[in-house]
Amino acid sequence: MLQKPLGRGASKARPIRSDRVARPRFRSIGSISRPSSSSSVSWLSSPELVLFLVGARKTGSGFKSLKAYRSGYFGASIKLQSGYTAGVNTAFYVSAHPGNHDEVDIEFLGKTFDEPYTLQTNVYIRGSGDGRIIGREMKFHLWFDPTKNFHHYAIIWNPRELIFLVDDVPIRRYARKSAATFPLRPMWVYGSIWDASAWATDDGKYKADYRYQPFVATYKNFKATGCTAYAPRWCRAATASPYRSGGMTRQQYSAMRWVQRNHMVYNYCWDSSRDRSLTPECRM
């Protein structure tokens, strides 16, 4: 895998133009399997959050924004745990729960000792993550070690497109090609760490091993801007472009092509084993 950084100037087109960026407030979910427990819920505005996975399968911890959004820029700097983390899923995402939900994911799939983390981006539409899973995954091996330092991961969601960014470098663009294949419901911002041994590492070959607990992920430098669920209709959606016209710049497209050419390891649209009728955007 290539280790060189992107070319000078290719990675620094800031996704926020003139919108105000605020530190979002979150509530701790505590145990993901029991998010309504009053003993596990507290109100947080900390500049740094540490999530732990300790002791048992089908558990985890996380946080959720106090507000739902209908578009915006959502980002956090994250540092991952080194060593054996197979089966562990560390995530930063936006989602509309419960039931028939939309969801947009940045997930770090745990690794064995000698393998790199896999960054998985995913999009679920109208409950395609409920029951029979219909994922829209693109996966990457990063051009740096995400356990050494904090790196910034972000999602831009507006009525035209979804853009996934790593340190301001766009790695994936998911365009709105039809209302049926694009998330439109208001969504909350989440972070979580949980046991996904059934599928996370080599399709479930390697499981979470609790001899290496606690599993830890650290989040800081939270950024959120955009239109909340109850913002006025004239609220301006965030874009990846510094220009009022929106969209990505030529430089950003070039950077994204470089990442996908050198660091993408899976694209659901290229998987011949998938039922293409379930993901019509691949044919559009």
C-alpha atoms as a PDB file:
ATOM      1  CA  MET A   1       0.000   0.000   0.000  1.00  0.00           C
ATOM      2  CA  LEU A   2       1.343   3.431  -0.904  1.00  0.00           C
ATOM      3  CA  GLN A   3       2.198   5.611   2.059  1.00  0.00           C
ATOM      4  CA  LYS A   4       2.825   8.972   0.412  1.00  0.00           C
ATOM      5  CA  PRO A   5       0.562  11.910   1.274  1.00  0.00           C
ATOM      6  CA  LEU A   6      -1.614  13.620  -1.289  1.00  0.00           C
ATOM      7  CA  GLY A   7      -0.062  16.283  -3.427  1.00  0.00           C
ATOM      8  CA  ARG A   8       0.429  19.750  -2.017  1.00  0.00           C
ATOM      9  CA  GLY A   9      -2.772  21.751  -1.982  1.00  0.00           C
ATOM     10  CA  ALA A  10      -4.932  18.785  -2.924  1.00  0.00           C
ATOM     11  CA  SER A  11      -6.272  18.146   0.543  1.00  0.00           C
ATOM     12  CA  LYS A  12      -7.060  21.490   2.089  1.00  0.00           C
ATOM     13  CA  ALA A  13     -10.262  22.761   0.529  1.00  0.00           C
ATOM     14  CA  ARG A  14     -12.264  23.443   3.665  1.00  0.00           C
ATOM     15  CA  PRO A  15     -15.846  22.200   3.458  1.00  0.00           C
ATOM     16  CA  ILE A  16     -17.402  25.058   5.400  1.00  0.00           C
ATOM     17  CA  ARG A  17     -17.906  28.421   3.727  1.00  0.00           C
ATOM     18  CA  SER A  18     -19.505  31.026   5.925  1.00  0.00           C
ATOM     19  CA  ASP A  19     -21.772  28.954   8.125  1.00  0.00           C
ATOM     20  CA  ARG A  20     -21.138  29.139  11.847  1.00  0.00           C
ATOM     21  CA  VAL A  21     -19.399  26.080  13.276  1.00  0.00           C
ATOM     22  CA  ALA A  22     -20.463  25.210  16.804  1.00  0.00           C
ATOM     23  CA  ARG A  23     -19.225  22.628  19.260  1.00  0.00           C
ATOM     24  CA  PRO A  24     -22.158  20.220  19.363  1.00  0.00           C
ATOM     25  CA  ARG A  25     -23.479  18.917  22.666  1.00  0.00           C
ATOM     26  CA  PHE A  26     -23.935  15.184  23.057  1.00  0.00           C
ATOM     27  CA  ARG A  27     -25.499  12.841  25.525  1.00  0.00           C
ATOM     28  CA  SER A  28     -23.730   9.659  26.529  1.00  0.00           C
ATOM     29  CA  ILE A  29     -25.569   6.503  25.566  1.00  0.00           C
ATOM     30  CA  GLY A  30     -23.438   4.495  27.985  1.00  0.00           C
ATOM     31  CA  SER A  31     -24.432   0.939  27.163  1.00  0.00           C
ATOM     32  CA  ILE A  32     -25.639   0.825  23.567  1.00  0.00           C
ATOM     33  CA  SER A  33     -27.793  -2.180  24.337  1.00  0.00           C
ATOM     34  CA  ARG A  34     -29.684  -0.107  26.967  1.00  0.00           C
ATOM     35  CA  PRO A  35     -29.774   3.480  25.680  1.00  0.00           C
ATOM     36  CA  SER A  36     -32.806   4.452  27.748  1.00  0.00           C
ATOM     37  CA  SER A  37     -31.296   3.532  31.117  1.00  0.00           C
ATOM     38  CA  SER A  38     -31.311   6.649  33.299  1.00  0.00           C
ATOM     39  CA  SER A  39     -28.179   5.467  35.071  1.00  0.00           C
ATOM     40  CA  SER A  40     -26.164   5.521  31.828  1.00  0.00           C
ATOM     41  CA  VAL A  41     -27.251   8.878  30.433  1.00  0.00           C
ATOM     42  CA  SER A  42     -25.472  12.153  31.138  1.00  0.00           C
ATOM     43  CA  TRP A  43     -25.217  15.446  29.284  1.00  0.00           C
ATOM     44  CA  LEU A  44     -21.820  16.142  27.757  1.00  0.00           C
ATOM     45  CA  SER A  45     -20.061  19.122  26.235  1.00  0.00           C
ATOM     46  CA  SER A  46     -16.530  17.784  26.809  1.00  0.00           C
ATOM     47  CA  PRO A  47     -13.864  18.636  24.210  1.00  0.00           C
ATOM     48  CA  GLU A  48     -12.686  15.010  24.380  1.00  0.00           C
ATOM     49  CA  LEU A  49     -14.692  11.808  24.775  1.00  0.00           C
ATOM     50  CA  VAL A  50     -13.261   8.347  25.411  1.00  0.00           C
ATOM     51  CA  LEU A  51     -15.428   5.341  24.562  1.00  0.00           C
ATOM     52  CA  PHE A  52     -14.757   1.903  26.042  1.00  0.00           C
ATOM     53  CA  LEU A  53     -15.751  -1.640  25.154  1.00  0.00           C
ATOM     54  CA  VAL A  54     -15.227  -3.903  28.153  1.00  0.00           C
ATOM     55  CA  GLY A  55     -16.201  -7.352  29.208  1.00  0.00           C
ATOM     56  CA  ALA A  56     -19.065  -8.755  27.146  1.00  0.00           C
ATOM     57  CA  ARG A  57     -20.366  -9.297  23.641  1.00  0.00           C
ATOM     58  CA  LYS A  58     -23.438  -7.445  22.375  1.00  0.00           C
ATOM     59  CA  THR A  59     -22.481  -4.350  24.341  1.00  0.00           C
ATOM     60  CA  GLY A  60     -20.726  -1.078  23.683  1.00  0.00           C
ATOM     61  CA  SER A  61     -20.769   2.612  24.483  1.00  0.00           C
ATOM     62  CA  GLY A  62     -21.512   5.755  22.560  1.00  0.00           C
ATOM     63  CA  PHE A  63     -22.866   9.274  22.333  1.00  0.00           C
ATOM     64  CA  LYS A  64     -25.640  11.037  20.445  1.00  0.00           C
ATOM     65  CA  SER A  65     -26.187  14.664  19.493  1.00  0.00           C
ATOM     66  CA  LEU A  66     -28.980  16.558  21.197  1.00  0.00           C
ATOM     67  CA  LYS A  67     -30.279  17.869  17.878  1.00  0.00           C
ATOM     68  CA  ALA A  68     -31.332  16.180  14.654  1.00  0.00           C
ATOM     69  CA  TYR A  69     -30.233  17.670  11.337  1.00  0.00           C
ATOM     70  CA  ARG A  70     -31.642  17.572   7.827  1.00  0.00           C
ATOM     71  CA  SER A  71     -28.276  18.484   6.252  1.00  0.00           C
ATOM     72  CA  GLY A  72     -24.851  19.578   7.410  1.00  0.00           C
ATOM     73  CA  TYR A  73     -21.163  19.019   8.020  1.00  0.00           C
ATOM     74  CA  PHE A  74     -20.356  16.586  10.843  1.00  0.00           C
ATOM     75  CA  GLY A  75     -16.794  15.834  11.886  1.00  0.00           C
ATOM     76  CA  ALA A  76     -14.619  14.571  14.718  1.00  0.00           C
ATOM     77  CA  SER A  77     -10.948  13.877  15.289  1.00  0.00           C
ATOM     78  CA  ILE A  78     -10.486  10.240  16.295  1.00  0.00           C
ATOM     79  CA  LYS A  79      -7.562   8.189  17.547  1.00  0.00           C
ATOM     80  CA  LEU A  80      -7.851   4.406  17.412  1.00  0.00           C
ATOM     81  CA  GLN A  81      -6.379   1.704  19.608  1.00  0.00           C
ATOM     82  CA  SER A  82      -3.299  -0.170  18.418  1.00  0.00           C
ATOM     83  CA  GLY A  83      -2.731  -3.915  18.696  1.00  0.00           C
ATOM     84  CA  TYR A  84      -5.393  -6.590  18.351  1.00  0.00           C
ATOM     85  CA  THR A  85      -8.855  -5.078  17.866  1.00  0.00           C
ATOM     86  CA  ALA A  86     -10.460  -7.646  15.556  1.00  0.00           C
ATOM     87  CA  GLY A  87     -14.234  -7.766  15.784  1.00  0.00           C
ATOM     88  CA  VAL A  88     -14.482  -4.258  17.248  1.00  0.00           C
ATOM     89  CA  ASN A  89     -16.345  -1.556  15.336  1.00  0.00           C
ATOM     90  CA  THR A  90     -15.520   2.095  16.089  1.00  0.00           C
ATOM     91  CA  ALA A  91     -17.933   4.442  14.354  1.00  0.00           C
ATOM     92  CA  PHE A  92     -18.879   8.061  13.687  1.00  0.00           C
ATOM     93  CA  TYR A  93     -22.162   8.372  11.846  1.00  0.00           C
ATOM     94  CA  VAL A  94     -25.511  10.058  11.341  1.00  0.00           C
ATOM     95  CA  SER A  95     -28.714   8.094  11.622  1.00  0.00           C
ATOM     96  CA  ALA A  96     -32.491   8.356  11.869  1.00  0.00           C
ATOM     97  CA  HIS A  97     -33.736   5.752  14.344  1.00  0.00           C
ATOM     98  CA  PRO A  98     -35.831   3.810  15.083  1.00  0.00           C
ATOM     99  CA  GLY A  99     -37.199   1.687  12.260  1.00  0.00           C
ATOM    100  CA  ASN A 100     -37.093   2.159   8.488  1.00  0.00           C
ATOM    101  CA  HIS A 101     -34.118   4.375   9.130  1.00  0.00           C
ATOM    102  CA  ASP A 102     -31.591   6.248   7.021  1.00  0.00           C
ATOM    103  CA  GLU A 103     -27.942   6.073   8.068  1.00  0.00           C
ATOM    104  CA  VAL A 104     -24.543   7.318   6.846  1.00  0.00           C
ATOM    105  CA  ASP A 105     -21.493   5.648   8.403  1.00  0.00           C
ATOM    106  CA  ILE A 106     -17.784   6.082   8.878  1.00  0.00           C
ATOM    107  CA  GLU A 107     -16.639   2.873  10.562  1.00  0.00           C
ATOM    108  CA  PHE A 108     -13.252   1.530  11.569  1.00  0.00           C
ATOM    109  CA  LEU A 109     -13.201  -2.243  11.393  1.00  0.00           C
ATOM    110  CA  GLY A 110     -10.899  -3.820  13.935  1.00  0.00           C
ATOM    111  CA  LYS A 111      -7.704  -5.599  12.944  1.00  0.00           C
ATOM    112  CA  THR A 112      -5.356  -8.406  13.850  1.00  0.00           C
ATOM    113  CA  PHE A 113      -1.799  -7.592  14.924  1.00  0.00           C
ATOM    114  CA  ASP A 114      -0.188  -7.444  11.474  1.00  0.00           C
ATOM    115  CA  GLU A 115      -3.035  -5.932   9.444  1.00  0.00           C
ATOM    116  CA  PRO A 116      -4.180  -2.326   8.972  1.00  0.00           C
ATOM    117  CA  TYR A 117      -7.516  -0.909  10.028  1.00  0.00           C
ATOM    118  CA  THR A 118     -10.197  -0.852   7.342  1.00  0.00           C
ATOM    119  CA  LEU A 119     -12.187   2.366   7.097  1.00  0.00           C
ATOM    120  CA  GLN A 120     -15.660   1.506   5.845  1.00  0.00           C
ATOM    121  CA  THR A 121     -18.089   4.101   4.515  1.00  0.00           C
ATOM    122  CA  ASN A 122     -21.690   3.012   4.180  1.00  0.00           C
ATOM    123  CA  VAL A 123     -25.138   4.364   3.325  1.00  0.00           C
ATOM    124  CA  TYR A 124     -28.467   2.846   4.351  1.00  0.00           C
ATOM    125  CA  ILE A 125     -31.739   4.009   2.822  1.00  0.00           C
ATOM    126  CA  ARG A 126     -35.292   3.576   4.175  1.00  0.00           C
ATOM    127  CA  GLY A 127     -34.463   0.756   6.518  1.00  0.00           C
ATOM    128  CA  SER A 128     -32.004  -1.100   4.287  1.00  0.00           C
ATOM    129  CA  GLY A 129     -29.966  -1.597   7.477  1.00  0.00           C
ATOM    130  CA  ASP A 130     -32.928  -3.269   9.219  1.00  0.00           C
ATOM    131  CA  GLY A 131     -33.445  -7.009   8.914  1.00  0.00           C
ATOM    132  CA  ARG A 132     -32.261  -7.869   5.417  1.00  0.00           C
ATOM    133  CA  ILE A 133     -29.138  -5.725   5.124  1.00  0.00           C
ATOM    134  CA  ILE A 134     -28.540  -3.807   1.887  1.00  0.00           C
ATOM    135  CA  GLY A 135     -25.311  -1.940   2.410  1.00  0.00           C
ATOM    136  CA  ARG A 136     -23.589   0.486   0.060  1.00  0.00           C
ATOM    137  CA  GLU A 137     -20.054  -0.032   1.306  1.00  0.00           C
ATOM    138  CA  MET A 138     -16.800   1.423   0.095  1.00  0.00           C
ATOM    139  CA  LYS A 139     -13.719   0.386   2.080  1.00  0.00           C
ATOM    140  CA  PHE A 140     -10.242   1.876   2.357  1.00  0.00           C
ATOM    141  CA  HIS A 141      -6.837   1.195   3.875  1.00  0.00           C
ATOM    142  CA  LEU A 142      -5.603   4.598   4.960  1.00  0.00           C
ATOM    143  CA  TRP A 143      -2.322   6.208   3.899  1.00  0.00           C
ATOM    144  CA  PHE A 144      -1.336   6.709   7.544  1.00  0.00           C
ATOM    145  CA  ASP A 145      -1.538   4.803  10.833  1.00  0.00           C
ATOM    146  CA  PRO A 146      -4.752   5.975  12.582  1.00  0.00           C
ATOM    147  CA  THR A 147      -3.459   4.741  15.959  1.00  0.00           C
ATOM    148  CA  LYS A 148      -0.467   7.118  16.104  1.00  0.00           C
ATOM    149  CA  ASN A 149      -2.256  10.463  16.102  1.00  0.00           C
ATOM    150  CA  PHE A 150      -5.681  12.046  15.860  1.00  0.00           C
ATOM    151  CA  HIS A 151      -7.069  12.453  12.344  1.00  0.00           C
ATOM    152  CA  HIS A 152     -10.240  14.257  11.334  1.00  0.00           C
ATOM    153  CA  TYR A 153     -13.100  12.323   9.748  1.00  0.00           C
ATOM    154  CA  ALA A 154     -16.206  14.029   8.409  1.00  0.00           C
ATOM    155  CA  ILE A 155     -19.457  13.640   6.515  1.00  0.00           C
ATOM    156  CA  ILE A 156     -21.044  16.342   4.370  1.00  0.00           C
ATOM    157  CA  TRP A 157     -24.727  15.754   3.710  1.00  0.00           C
ATOM    158  CA  ASN A 158     -26.770  18.093   1.560  1.00  0.00           C
ATOM    159  CA  PRO A 159     -29.752  17.623  -0.785  1.00  0.00           C
ATOM    160  CA  ARG A 160     -27.445  16.829  -3.729  1.00  0.00           C
ATOM    161  CA  GLU A 161     -24.762  14.550  -2.339  1.00  0.00           C
ATOM    162  CA  LEU A 162     -22.916  12.869   0.498  1.00  0.00           C
ATOM    163  CA  ILE A 163     -19.162  13.399   0.764  1.00  0.00           C
ATOM    164  CA  PHE A 164     -16.870  11.493   3.102  1.00  0.00           C
ATOM    165  CA  LEU A 165     -13.618  13.204   4.113  1.00  0.00           C
ATOM    166  CA  VAL A 166     -10.411  12.245   5.918  1.00  0.00           C
ATOM    167  CA  ASP A 167      -8.288  15.203   7.049  1.00  0.00           C
ATOM    168  CA  ASP A 168     -10.310  17.339   4.581  1.00  0.00           C
ATOM    169  CA  VAL A 169      -9.482  14.947   1.714  1.00  0.00           C
ATOM    170  CA  PRO A 170     -12.643  13.688  -0.014  1.00  0.00           C
ATOM    171  CA  ILE A 171     -12.492   9.911  -0.285  1.00  0.00           C
ATOM    172  CA  ARG A 172     -16.018   9.195  -1.529  1.00  0.00           C
ATOM    173  CA  ARG A 173     -18.904  11.055  -3.128  1.00  0.00           C
ATOM    174  CA  TYR A 174     -22.382   9.508  -3.097  1.00  0.00           C
ATOM    175  CA  ALA A 175     -24.651  11.501  -5.391  1.00  0.00           C
ATOM    176  CA  ARG A 176     -28.411  11.809  -5.148  1.00  0.00           C
ATOM    177  CA  LYS A 177     -29.572  10.047  -8.299  1.00  0.00           C
ATOM    178  CA  SER A 178     -33.131   9.488  -7.100  1.00  0.00           C
ATOM    179  CA  ALA A 179     -35.150  10.081  -3.943  1.00  0.00           C
ATOM    180  CA  ALA A 180     -35.364   6.306  -3.463  1.00  0.00           C
ATOM    181  CA  THR A 181     -31.586   5.930  -3.161  1.00  0.00           C
ATOM    182  CA  PHE A 182     -30.745   8.938  -0.977  1.00  0.00           C
ATOM    183  CA  PRO A 183     -31.191   9.617   2.765  1.00  0.00           C
ATOM    184  CA  LEU A 184     -33.775  12.353   3.327  1.00  0.00           C
ATOM    185  CA  ARG A 185     -35.017  11.955   6.912  1.00  0.00           C
ATOM    186  CA  PRO A 186     -33.593  14.156   9.715  1.00  0.00           C
ATOM    187  CA  MET A 187     -30.689  12.406  11.421  1.00  0.00           C
ATOM    188  CA  TRP A 188     -28.753  12.626  14.697  1.00  0.00           C
ATOM    189  CA  VAL A 189     -24.967  12.455  15.049  1.00  0.00           C
ATOM    190  CA  TYR A 190     -23.560   9.406  16.836  1.00  0.00           C
ATOM    191  CA  GLY A 191     -20.264   7.913  17.915  1.00  0.00           C
ATOM    192  CA  SER A 192     -19.890   4.372  19.198  1.00  0.00           C
ATOM    193  CA  ILE A 193     -17.643   1.413  19.898  1.00  0.00           C
ATOM    194  CA  TRP A 194     -19.183  -2.059  19.944  1.00  0.00           C
ATOM    195  CA  ASP A 195     -18.605  -5.763  19.393  1.00  0.00           C
ATOM    196  CA  ALA A 196     -19.259  -6.595  15.731  1.00  0.00           C
ATOM    197  CA  SER A 197     -17.476  -9.951  15.769  1.00  0.00           C
ATOM    198  CA  ALA A 198     -20.052 -11.511  13.461  1.00  0.00           C
ATOM    199  CA  TRP A 199     -18.805  -9.547  10.444  1.00  0.00           C
ATOM    200  CA  ALA A 200     -16.318  -6.753  11.128  1.00  0.00           C
ATOM    201  CA  THR A 201     -12.934  -8.434  10.505  1.00  0.00           C
ATOM    202  CA  ASP A 202     -12.517 -10.686   7.468  1.00  0.00           C
ATOM    203  CA  ASP A 203     -16.284 -11.319   7.380  1.00  0.00           C
ATOM    204  CA  GLY A 204     -16.273 -12.578  10.951  1.00  0.00           C
ATOM    205  CA  LYS A 205     -13.249 -14.877  10.731  1.00  0.00           C
ATOM    206  CA  TYR A 206     -11.524 -13.030  13.583  1.00  0.00           C
ATOM    207  CA  LYS A 207     -13.540 -12.240  16.719  1.00  0.00           C
ATOM    208  CA  ALA A 208     -13.138  -9.757  19.536  1.00  0.00           C
ATOM    209  CA  ASP A 209     -10.725 -11.221  22.070  1.00  0.00           C
ATOM    210  CA  TYR A 210     -11.383  -9.817  25.531  1.00  0.00           C
ATOM    211  CA  ARG A 211      -7.922 -10.738  26.748  1.00  0.00           C
ATOM    212  CA  TYR A 212      -6.976  -7.420  25.073  1.00  0.00           C
ATOM    213  CA  GLN A 213      -9.684  -5.314  26.720  1.00  0.00           C
ATOM    214  CA  PRO A 214     -10.481  -2.558  27.304  1.00  0.00           C
ATOM    215  CA  PHE A 215     -10.952  -1.507  23.691  1.00  0.00           C
ATOM    216  CA  VAL A 216     -10.760   2.270  23.527  1.00  0.00           C
ATOM    217  CA  ALA A 217     -11.506   5.017  20.997  1.00  0.00           C
ATOM    218  CA  THR A 218     -10.914   8.710  21.682  1.00  0.00           C
ATOM    219  CA  TYR A 219     -12.904  11.500  19.998  1.00  0.00           C
ATOM    220  CA  LYS A 220     -12.280  15.248  20.095  1.00  0.00           C
ATOM    221  CA  ASN A 221     -12.504  18.414  17.978  1.00  0.00           C
ATOM    222  CA  PHE A 222     -16.180  17.908  17.241  1.00  0.00           C
ATOM    223  CA  LYS A 223     -17.610  20.104  14.510  1.00  0.00           C
ATOM    224  CA  ALA A 224     -21.188  20.402  13.329  1.00  0.00           C
ATOM    225  CA  THR A 225     -22.858  22.958  11.134  1.00  0.00           C
ATOM    226  CA  GLY A 226     -25.918  22.882   8.965  1.00  0.00           C
ATOM    227  CA  CYS A 227     -29.668  22.865   9.083  1.00  0.00           C
ATOM    228  CA  THR A 228     -31.361  21.310  12.082  1.00  0.00           C
ATOM    229  CA  ALA A 229     -34.584  19.408  11.634  1.00  0.00           C
ATOM    230  CA  TYR A 230     -36.612  22.526  12.528  1.00  0.00           C
ATOM    231  CA  ALA A 231     -34.479  25.167  10.808  1.00  0.00           C
ATOM    232  CA  PRO A 232     -36.297  27.526   8.419  1.00  0.00           C
ATOM    233  CA  ARG A 233     -36.626  26.466   4.799  1.00  0.00           C
ATOM    234  CA  TRP A 234     -34.098  29.063   3.671  1.00  0.00           C
ATOM    235  CA  CYS A 235     -31.312  27.485   5.755  1.00  0.00           C
ATOM    236  CA  ARG A 236     -28.286  26.996   3.495  1.00  0.00           C
ATOM    237  CA  ALA A 237     -26.900  23.455   3.334  1.00  0.00           C
ATOM    238  CA  ALA A 238     -23.175  22.810   3.796  1.00  0.00           C
ATOM    239  CA  THR A 239     -21.074  21.973   0.739  1.00  0.00           C
ATOM    240  CA  ALA A 240     -17.544  20.786   0.036  1.00  0.00           C
ATOM    241  CA  SER A 241     -16.810  23.809  -2.129  1.00  0.00           C
ATOM    242  CA  PRO A 242     -15.473  27.217  -1.089  1.00  0.00           C
ATOM    243  CA  TYR A 243     -17.694  28.692  -3.825  1.00  0.00           C
ATOM    244  CA  ARG A 244     -21.345  29.614  -3.566  1.00  0.00           C
ATOM    245  CA  SER A 245     -22.200  27.311  -6.466  1.00  0.00           C
ATOM    246  CA  GLY A 246     -21.431  24.288  -4.268  1.00  0.00           C
ATOM    247  CA  GLY A 247     -20.158  20.914  -5.374  1.00  0.00           C
ATOM    248  CA  MET A 248     -16.574  19.673  -5.272  1.00  0.00           C
ATOM    249  CA  THR A 249     -13.722  21.487  -6.955  1.00  0.00           C
ATOM    250  CA  ARG A 250     -11.521  20.021  -9.679  1.00  0.00           C
ATOM    251  CA  GLN A 251      -8.738  19.736  -7.110  1.00  0.00           C
ATOM    252  CA  GLN A 252     -10.975  17.801  -4.735  1.00  0.00           C
ATOM    253  CA  TYR A 253     -12.051  15.390  -7.480  1.00  0.00           C
ATOM    254  CA  SER A 254      -8.392  14.797  -8.303  1.00  0.00           C
ATOM    255  CA  ALA A 255      -7.589  14.066  -4.652  1.00  0.00           C
ATOM    256  CA  MET A 256     -10.540  11.675  -4.381  1.00  0.00           C
ATOM    257  CA  ARG A 257      -9.490   9.786  -7.513  1.00  0.00           C
ATOM    258  CA  TRP A 258      -5.979   9.401  -6.051  1.00  0.00           C
ATOM    259  CA  VAL A 259      -7.364   7.935  -2.825  1.00  0.00           C
ATOM    260  CA  GLN A 260      -9.696   5.549  -4.615  1.00  0.00           C
ATOM    261  CA  ARG A 261      -7.033   4.431  -7.062  1.00  0.00           C
ATOM    262  CA  ASN A 262      -4.409   3.742  -4.381  1.00  0.00           C
ATOM    263  CA  HIS A 263      -6.275   2.997  -1.145  1.00  0.00           C
ATOM    264  CA  MET A 264      -9.778   1.713  -1.901  1.00  0.00           C
ATOM    265  CA  VAL A 265     -10.060  -2.025  -1.257  1.00  0.00           C
ATOM    266  CA  TYR A 266     -13.795  -2.602  -1.865  1.00  0.00           C
ATOM    267  CA  ASN A 267     -16.608  -0.968  -3.845  1.00  0.00           C
ATOM    268  CA  TYR A 268     -20.082  -2.473  -3.582  1.00  0.00           C
ATOM    269  CA  CYS A 269     -20.894  -1.454  -7.149  1.00  0.00           C
ATOM    270  CA  TRP A 270     -18.031  -3.626  -8.422  1.00  0.00           C
ATOM    271  CA  ASP A 271     -19.025  -6.726  -6.445  1.00  0.00           C
ATOM    272  CA  SER A 272     -20.405  -9.242  -8.949  1.00  0.00           C
ATOM    273  CA  SER A 273     -21.898 -11.351  -6.149  1.00  0.00           C
ATOM    274  CA  ARG A 274     -24.320  -8.560  -5.189  1.00  0.00           C
ATOM    275  CA  ASP A 275     -27.884  -8.311  -6.488  1.00  0.00           C
ATOM    276  CA  ARG A 276     -27.660  -5.142  -8.576  1.00  0.00           C
ATOM    277  CA  SER A 277     -31.432  -4.691  -8.576  1.00  0.00           C
ATOM    278  CA  LEU A 278     -31.177  -3.712  -4.898  1.00  0.00           C
ATOM    279  CA  THR A 279     -28.705  -0.893  -5.585  1.00  0.00           C
ATOM    280  CA  PRO A 280     -30.014   0.789  -8.752  1.00  0.00           C
ATOM    281  CA  GLU A 281     -27.702   3.790  -8.300  1.00  0.00           C
ATOM    282  CA  CYS A 282     -24.826   1.572  -9.483  1.00  0.00           C
ATOM    283  CA  ARG A 283     -26.440   1.442 -12.926  1.00  0.00           C
ATOM    284  CA  MET A 284     -27.380   5.124 -13.180  1.00  0.00           C
END
